[in-house]
Amino acid sequence: MFTRKFLEGWWRRALRRRVLFTALDREDRGYLYLTMKALDEVRSVDVGRIILKILVKLREALKGPFVRRMEDYGVGKAWAMSKTAVEWGYRAAGGWAGEVGFIRYLTVHELNSPSGWGV
């Protein structure tokens, strides 16, 4: 399931990015540290579920501000534009909502547009 090397990599990455102590409370850090030091590999499903929840917290904390903006704004805008284009008869636009490049483009466009312009 999870190996010691894998968990140590997450620990080091979170420590380097300075999110280890802000994203995880003392209990989560202790559980991750103890698992990392005591086991070579997590075999228990219950322990794996707990570690997975901790790693999800770390993954969310490690995301940069642009990625968060892409998830908040870009995905919704891409979905809306794709839906509108399909309604207008352009069926190939159905895949736009899932294209990362299109979502990134919409996010960059929105971030670089002056405030107060448009509706």
N, C-alpha and C. Protein backbone atom coordinates (compact mmCIF):
# COMPACT_ATOMS: atom_id res chain seq x y z
N MET A 1 0.84 -1.19 0.00
CA MET A 1 0.00 0.00 0.00
C MET A 1 0.88 1.25 0.00
N PHE A 2 1.40 1.66 1.15
CA PHE A 2 2.30 2.81 1.25
C PHE A 2 3.62 2.32 1.82
N THR A 3 4.71 2.75 1.21
CA THR A 3 6.03 2.36 1.70
C THR A 3 6.63 3.50 2.53
N ARG A 4 7.67 3.16 3.27
CA ARG A 4 8.35 4.16 4.09
C ARG A 4 8.94 5.26 3.21
N LYS A 5 9.54 4.89 2.09
CA LYS A 5 10.16 5.87 1.20
C LYS A 5 9.11 6.84 0.64
N PHE A 6 7.95 6.31 0.29
CA PHE A 6 6.86 7.14 -0.24
C PHE A 6 6.40 8.16 0.80
N LEU A 7 6.20 7.70 2.02
CA LEU A 7 5.75 8.60 3.10
C LEU A 7 6.82 9.63 3.46
N GLU A 8 8.08 9.22 3.45
CA GLU A 8 9.16 10.16 3.73
C GLU A 8 9.24 11.24 2.66
N GLY A 9 8.95 10.87 1.42
CA GLY A 9 8.93 11.86 0.35
C GLY A 9 7.86 12.92 0.57
N TRP A 10 6.69 12.49 0.98
CA TRP A 10 5.62 13.45 1.28
C TRP A 10 5.99 14.33 2.47
N TRP A 11 6.58 13.71 3.49
CA TRP A 11 6.99 14.45 4.68
C TRP A 11 8.00 15.54 4.31
N ARG A 12 9.04 15.17 3.52
CA ARG A 12 10.07 16.13 3.12
C ARG A 12 9.51 17.24 2.24
N ARG A 13 8.64 16.88 1.32
CA ARG A 13 8.04 17.88 0.44
C ARG A 13 7.22 18.89 1.24
N ALA A 14 6.43 18.41 2.19
CA ALA A 14 5.61 19.29 3.01
C ALA A 14 6.47 20.15 3.93
N LEU A 15 7.56 19.58 4.42
CA LEU A 15 8.46 20.34 5.28
C LEU A 15 9.17 21.44 4.49
N ARG A 16 9.62 21.12 3.26
CA ARG A 16 10.29 22.11 2.43
C ARG A 16 9.38 23.25 2.02
N ARG A 17 8.11 22.91 1.76
CA ARG A 17 7.16 23.94 1.33
C ARG A 17 6.49 24.65 2.51
N ARG A 18 6.88 24.29 3.72
CA ARG A 18 6.41 24.92 4.95
C ARG A 18 4.90 24.79 5.17
N VAL A 19 4.37 23.62 4.84
CA VAL A 19 2.95 23.40 5.08
C VAL A 19 2.71 22.25 6.06
N LEU A 20 3.75 21.58 6.47
CA LEU A 20 3.59 20.42 7.35
C LEU A 20 2.91 20.79 8.66
N PHE A 21 3.35 21.89 9.27
CA PHE A 21 2.82 22.26 10.57
C PHE A 21 1.54 23.09 10.48
N THR A 22 1.26 23.63 9.30
CA THR A 22 0.01 24.40 9.16
C THR A 22 -1.13 23.53 8.66
N ALA A 23 -0.83 22.56 7.81
CA ALA A 23 -1.89 21.73 7.22
C ALA A 23 -2.31 20.58 8.13
N LEU A 24 -1.38 20.08 8.92
CA LEU A 24 -1.67 18.92 9.76
C LEU A 24 -1.62 19.30 11.22
N ASP A 25 -2.56 18.78 11.98
CA ASP A 25 -2.50 19.01 13.42
C ASP A 25 -1.50 18.02 14.05
N ARG A 26 -1.31 18.13 15.33
CA ARG A 26 -0.30 17.33 16.02
C ARG A 26 -0.58 15.83 15.90
N GLU A 27 -1.83 15.47 15.99
CA GLU A 27 -2.20 14.06 15.91
C GLU A 27 -1.88 13.47 14.53
N ASP A 28 -2.22 14.20 13.47
CA ASP A 28 -1.95 13.71 12.12
C ASP A 28 -0.44 13.61 11.86
N ARG A 29 0.30 14.62 12.29
CA ARG A 29 1.75 14.58 12.11
C ARG A 29 2.36 13.41 12.88
N GLY A 30 1.88 13.20 14.09
CA GLY A 30 2.39 12.09 14.89
C GLY A 30 2.07 10.75 14.28
N TYR A 31 0.88 10.60 13.77
CA TYR A 31 0.48 9.33 13.16
C TYR A 31 1.30 9.06 11.91
N LEU A 32 1.49 10.09 11.10
CA LEU A 32 2.28 9.93 9.88
C LEU A 32 3.74 9.62 10.23
N TYR A 33 4.29 10.33 11.20
CA TYR A 33 5.68 10.12 11.61
C TYR A 33 5.88 8.72 12.18
N LEU A 34 4.98 8.30 13.04
CA LEU A 34 5.09 6.97 13.65
C LEU A 34 4.98 5.87 12.60
N THR A 35 4.05 6.03 11.68
CA THR A 35 3.90 5.03 10.61
C THR A 35 5.14 4.99 9.75
N MET A 36 5.67 6.16 9.46
CA MET A 36 6.85 6.26 8.60
C MET A 36 8.07 5.61 9.27
N LYS A 37 8.21 5.76 10.56
CA LYS A 37 9.40 5.25 11.25
C LYS A 37 9.24 3.80 11.70
N ALA A 38 8.03 3.36 11.97
CA ALA A 38 7.85 2.03 12.55
C ALA A 38 7.63 0.93 11.50
N LEU A 39 7.11 1.29 10.33
CA LEU A 39 6.76 0.28 9.34
C LEU A 39 7.55 0.47 8.06
N ASP A 40 7.88 -0.65 7.43
CA ASP A 40 8.48 -0.57 6.10
C ASP A 40 7.41 -0.40 5.03
N GLU A 41 6.26 -1.01 5.29
CA GLU A 41 5.15 -0.92 4.34
C GLU A 41 3.85 -1.05 5.11
N VAL A 42 2.88 -0.22 4.77
CA VAL A 42 1.57 -0.27 5.41
C VAL A 42 0.77 -1.40 4.74
N ARG A 43 0.35 -2.37 5.53
CA ARG A 43 -0.43 -3.47 4.99
C ARG A 43 -1.88 -3.45 5.48
N SER A 44 -2.11 -2.79 6.57
CA SER A 44 -3.45 -2.73 7.15
C SER A 44 -4.32 -1.75 6.37
N VAL A 45 -5.52 -2.16 6.07
CA VAL A 45 -6.45 -1.31 5.33
C VAL A 45 -6.87 -0.12 6.19
N ASP A 46 -7.08 -0.35 7.47
CA ASP A 46 -7.49 0.73 8.37
C ASP A 46 -6.41 1.81 8.49
N VAL A 47 -5.17 1.38 8.66
CA VAL A 47 -4.07 2.34 8.75
C VAL A 47 -3.91 3.06 7.40
N GLY A 48 -4.09 2.31 6.32
CA GLY A 48 -4.00 2.91 4.99
C GLY A 48 -5.03 4.00 4.78
N ARG A 49 -6.24 3.80 5.27
CA ARG A 49 -7.30 4.82 5.15
C ARG A 49 -6.93 6.09 5.92
N ILE A 50 -6.39 5.91 7.11
CA ILE A 50 -6.00 7.06 7.92
C ILE A 50 -4.87 7.83 7.24
N ILE A 51 -3.87 7.09 6.75
CA ILE A 51 -2.75 7.73 6.06
C ILE A 51 -3.23 8.43 4.79
N LEU A 52 -4.16 7.84 4.09
CA LEU A 52 -4.69 8.44 2.87
C LEU A 52 -5.38 9.77 3.17
N LYS A 53 -6.14 9.84 4.25
CA LYS A 53 -6.78 11.10 4.63
C LYS A 53 -5.74 12.17 4.95
N ILE A 54 -4.66 11.77 5.60
CA ILE A 54 -3.59 12.71 5.92
C ILE A 54 -2.91 13.20 4.65
N LEU A 55 -2.66 12.28 3.71
CA LEU A 55 -2.00 12.66 2.46
C LEU A 55 -2.89 13.56 1.60
N VAL A 56 -4.19 13.38 1.68
CA VAL A 56 -5.11 14.27 0.95
C VAL A 56 -5.01 15.68 1.50
N LYS A 57 -4.92 15.80 2.82
CA LYS A 57 -4.74 17.13 3.43
C LYS A 57 -3.44 17.77 2.95
N LEU A 58 -2.38 16.98 2.91
CA LEU A 58 -1.10 17.51 2.46
C LEU A 58 -1.15 17.91 0.98
N ARG A 59 -1.79 17.09 0.17
CA ARG A 59 -1.89 17.42 -1.26
C ARG A 59 -2.62 18.73 -1.48
N GLU A 60 -3.69 18.94 -0.75
CA GLU A 60 -4.43 20.20 -0.89
C GLU A 60 -3.60 21.38 -0.42
N ALA A 61 -2.82 21.18 0.64
CA ALA A 61 -2.00 22.28 1.15
C ALA A 61 -0.83 22.59 0.23
N LEU A 62 -0.35 21.61 -0.52
CA LEU A 62 0.79 21.80 -1.41
C LEU A 62 0.42 22.44 -2.74
N LYS A 63 -0.86 22.56 -3.02
CA LYS A 63 -1.27 23.19 -4.28
C LYS A 63 -0.93 24.67 -4.26
N GLY A 64 -0.49 25.16 -5.38
CA GLY A 64 -0.16 26.57 -5.50
C GLY A 64 -1.40 27.40 -5.72
N PRO A 65 -1.26 28.72 -5.63
CA PRO A 65 -2.42 29.59 -5.81
C PRO A 65 -3.00 29.54 -7.22
N PHE A 66 -2.15 29.34 -8.23
CA PHE A 66 -2.68 29.27 -9.59
C PHE A 66 -3.51 28.01 -9.81
N VAL A 67 -3.06 26.90 -9.26
CA VAL A 67 -3.82 25.65 -9.40
C VAL A 67 -5.16 25.77 -8.68
N ARG A 68 -5.17 26.40 -7.53
CA ARG A 68 -6.44 26.62 -6.82
C ARG A 68 -7.37 27.49 -7.65
N ARG A 69 -6.80 28.51 -8.28
CA ARG A 69 -7.61 29.40 -9.12
C ARG A 69 -8.15 28.65 -10.33
N MET A 70 -7.35 27.75 -10.89
CA MET A 70 -7.82 26.93 -12.01
C MET A 70 -9.00 26.07 -11.58
N GLU A 71 -8.91 25.50 -10.39
CA GLU A 71 -9.99 24.64 -9.92
C GLU A 71 -11.23 25.45 -9.59
N ASP A 72 -11.04 26.63 -9.01
CA ASP A 72 -12.20 27.45 -8.62
C ASP A 72 -12.86 28.12 -9.82
N TYR A 73 -12.07 28.79 -10.64
CA TYR A 73 -12.64 29.58 -11.72
C TYR A 73 -12.61 28.84 -13.06
N GLY A 74 -11.45 28.32 -13.43
CA GLY A 74 -11.26 27.77 -14.77
C GLY A 74 -12.15 26.59 -15.11
N VAL A 75 -12.32 25.68 -14.18
CA VAL A 75 -13.14 24.50 -14.46
C VAL A 75 -14.60 24.90 -14.69
N GLY A 76 -15.12 25.77 -13.85
CA GLY A 76 -16.51 26.21 -14.02
C GLY A 76 -16.72 26.98 -15.30
N LYS A 77 -15.78 27.85 -15.64
CA LYS A 77 -15.89 28.63 -16.87
C LYS A 77 -15.78 27.73 -18.09
N ALA A 78 -14.87 26.76 -18.07
CA ALA A 78 -14.73 25.83 -19.20
C ALA A 78 -15.99 25.00 -19.37
N TRP A 79 -16.57 24.57 -18.27
CA TRP A 79 -17.79 23.78 -18.35
C TRP A 79 -18.93 24.62 -18.94
N ALA A 80 -19.05 25.88 -18.50
CA ALA A 80 -20.11 26.75 -19.01
C ALA A 80 -19.92 27.04 -20.49
N MET A 81 -18.69 27.32 -20.92
CA MET A 81 -18.44 27.61 -22.33
C MET A 81 -18.67 26.37 -23.19
N SER A 82 -18.29 25.22 -22.69
CA SER A 82 -18.50 23.97 -23.41
C SER A 82 -19.99 23.70 -23.58
N LYS A 83 -20.74 23.89 -22.52
CA LYS A 83 -22.18 23.67 -22.56
C LYS A 83 -22.85 24.61 -23.56
N THR A 84 -22.45 25.88 -23.55
CA THR A 84 -23.02 26.85 -24.47
C THR A 84 -22.71 26.50 -25.91
N ALA A 85 -21.46 26.10 -26.19
CA ALA A 85 -21.08 25.75 -27.56
C ALA A 85 -21.83 24.52 -28.05
N VAL A 86 -22.05 23.55 -27.18
CA VAL A 86 -22.81 22.36 -27.57
C VAL A 86 -24.27 22.74 -27.85
N GLU A 87 -24.82 23.63 -27.04
CA GLU A 87 -26.20 24.08 -27.26
C GLU A 87 -26.34 24.81 -28.60
N TRP A 88 -25.29 25.49 -29.03
CA TRP A 88 -25.31 26.21 -30.30
C TRP A 88 -25.05 25.29 -31.49
N GLY A 89 -24.77 24.02 -31.22
CA GLY A 89 -24.64 23.04 -32.30
C GLY A 89 -23.23 22.55 -32.55
N TYR A 90 -22.25 23.00 -31.84
CA TYR A 90 -20.87 22.55 -32.04
C TYR A 90 -20.59 21.39 -31.09
N ARG A 91 -20.84 20.17 -31.55
CA ARG A 91 -20.77 18.99 -30.69
C ARG A 91 -19.36 18.66 -30.22
N ALA A 92 -18.37 19.04 -30.98
CA ALA A 92 -16.98 18.75 -30.60
C ALA A 92 -16.57 19.52 -29.34
N ALA A 93 -17.34 20.53 -28.98
CA ALA A 93 -17.01 21.33 -27.80
C ALA A 93 -17.33 20.59 -26.50
N GLY A 94 -17.92 19.44 -26.58
CA GLY A 94 -18.25 18.69 -25.37
C GLY A 94 -17.02 18.29 -24.56
N GLY A 95 -15.88 18.17 -25.21
CA GLY A 95 -14.65 17.78 -24.51
C GLY A 95 -13.87 18.94 -23.93
N TRP A 96 -14.28 20.16 -24.19
CA TRP A 96 -13.56 21.32 -23.69
C TRP A 96 -13.50 21.36 -22.17
N ALA A 97 -14.55 20.93 -21.52
CA ALA A 97 -14.63 21.04 -20.07
C ALA A 97 -13.56 20.22 -19.36
N GLY A 98 -13.04 19.20 -20.01
CA GLY A 98 -12.05 18.36 -19.38
C GLY A 98 -10.62 18.61 -19.82
N GLU A 99 -10.40 19.55 -20.73
CA GLU A 99 -9.06 19.82 -21.23
C GLU A 99 -8.32 20.80 -20.31
N VAL A 100 -7.21 20.34 -19.79
CA VAL A 100 -6.44 21.15 -18.84
C VAL A 100 -5.88 22.39 -19.52
N GLY A 101 -5.47 22.27 -20.77
CA GLY A 101 -4.93 23.42 -21.48
C GLY A 101 -5.96 24.52 -21.65
N PHE A 102 -7.19 24.15 -21.95
CA PHE A 102 -8.26 25.14 -22.10
C PHE A 102 -8.59 25.79 -20.75
N ILE A 103 -8.62 24.99 -19.71
CA ILE A 103 -8.88 25.52 -18.36
C ILE A 103 -7.76 26.48 -17.95
N ARG A 104 -6.52 26.10 -18.25
CA ARG A 104 -5.39 26.97 -17.93
C ARG A 104 -5.49 28.28 -18.71
N TYR A 105 -5.85 28.19 -20.00
CA TYR A 105 -5.98 29.38 -20.83
C TYR A 105 -7.04 30.32 -20.26
N LEU A 106 -8.20 29.79 -19.89
CA LEU A 106 -9.25 30.63 -19.35
C LEU A 106 -8.84 31.29 -18.04
N THR A 107 -8.10 30.55 -17.22
CA THR A 107 -7.65 31.10 -15.94
C THR A 107 -6.63 32.22 -16.15
N VAL A 108 -5.67 32.01 -17.05
CA VAL A 108 -4.68 33.04 -17.33
C VAL A 108 -5.35 34.26 -17.93
N HIS A 109 -6.29 34.03 -18.83
CA HIS A 109 -7.02 35.15 -19.44
C HIS A 109 -7.76 35.95 -18.38
N GLU A 110 -8.38 35.28 -17.44
CA GLU A 110 -9.13 35.97 -16.39
C GLU A 110 -8.19 36.72 -15.45
N LEU A 111 -7.05 36.13 -15.13
CA LEU A 111 -6.12 36.78 -14.22
C LEU A 111 -5.47 38.01 -14.85
N ASN A 112 -5.31 38.01 -16.16
CA ASN A 112 -4.64 39.12 -16.83
C ASN A 112 -5.59 40.18 -17.36
N SER A 113 -6.87 39.97 -17.22
CA SER A 113 -7.81 40.99 -17.70
C SER A 113 -7.96 42.06 -16.61
N PRO A 114 -7.96 43.32 -17.01
CA PRO A 114 -8.11 44.40 -16.02
C PRO A 114 -9.46 44.33 -15.33
N SER A 115 -9.48 44.69 -14.07
CA SER A 115 -10.74 44.67 -13.35
C SER A 115 -11.63 45.80 -13.83
N GLY A 116 -12.90 45.55 -13.88
CA GLY A 116 -13.84 46.57 -14.32
C GLY A 116 -14.16 46.49 -15.80
N TRP A 117 -13.44 45.65 -16.54
CA TRP A 117 -13.69 45.48 -17.96
C TRP A 117 -14.64 44.31 -18.15
N GLY A 118 -15.58 44.45 -18.99
CA GLY A 118 -16.53 43.37 -19.28
C GLY A 118 -17.61 43.30 -18.22
N VAL A 119 -18.32 42.22 -18.28
CA VAL A 119 -19.45 42.05 -17.36
C VAL A 119 -19.15 40.96 -16.38
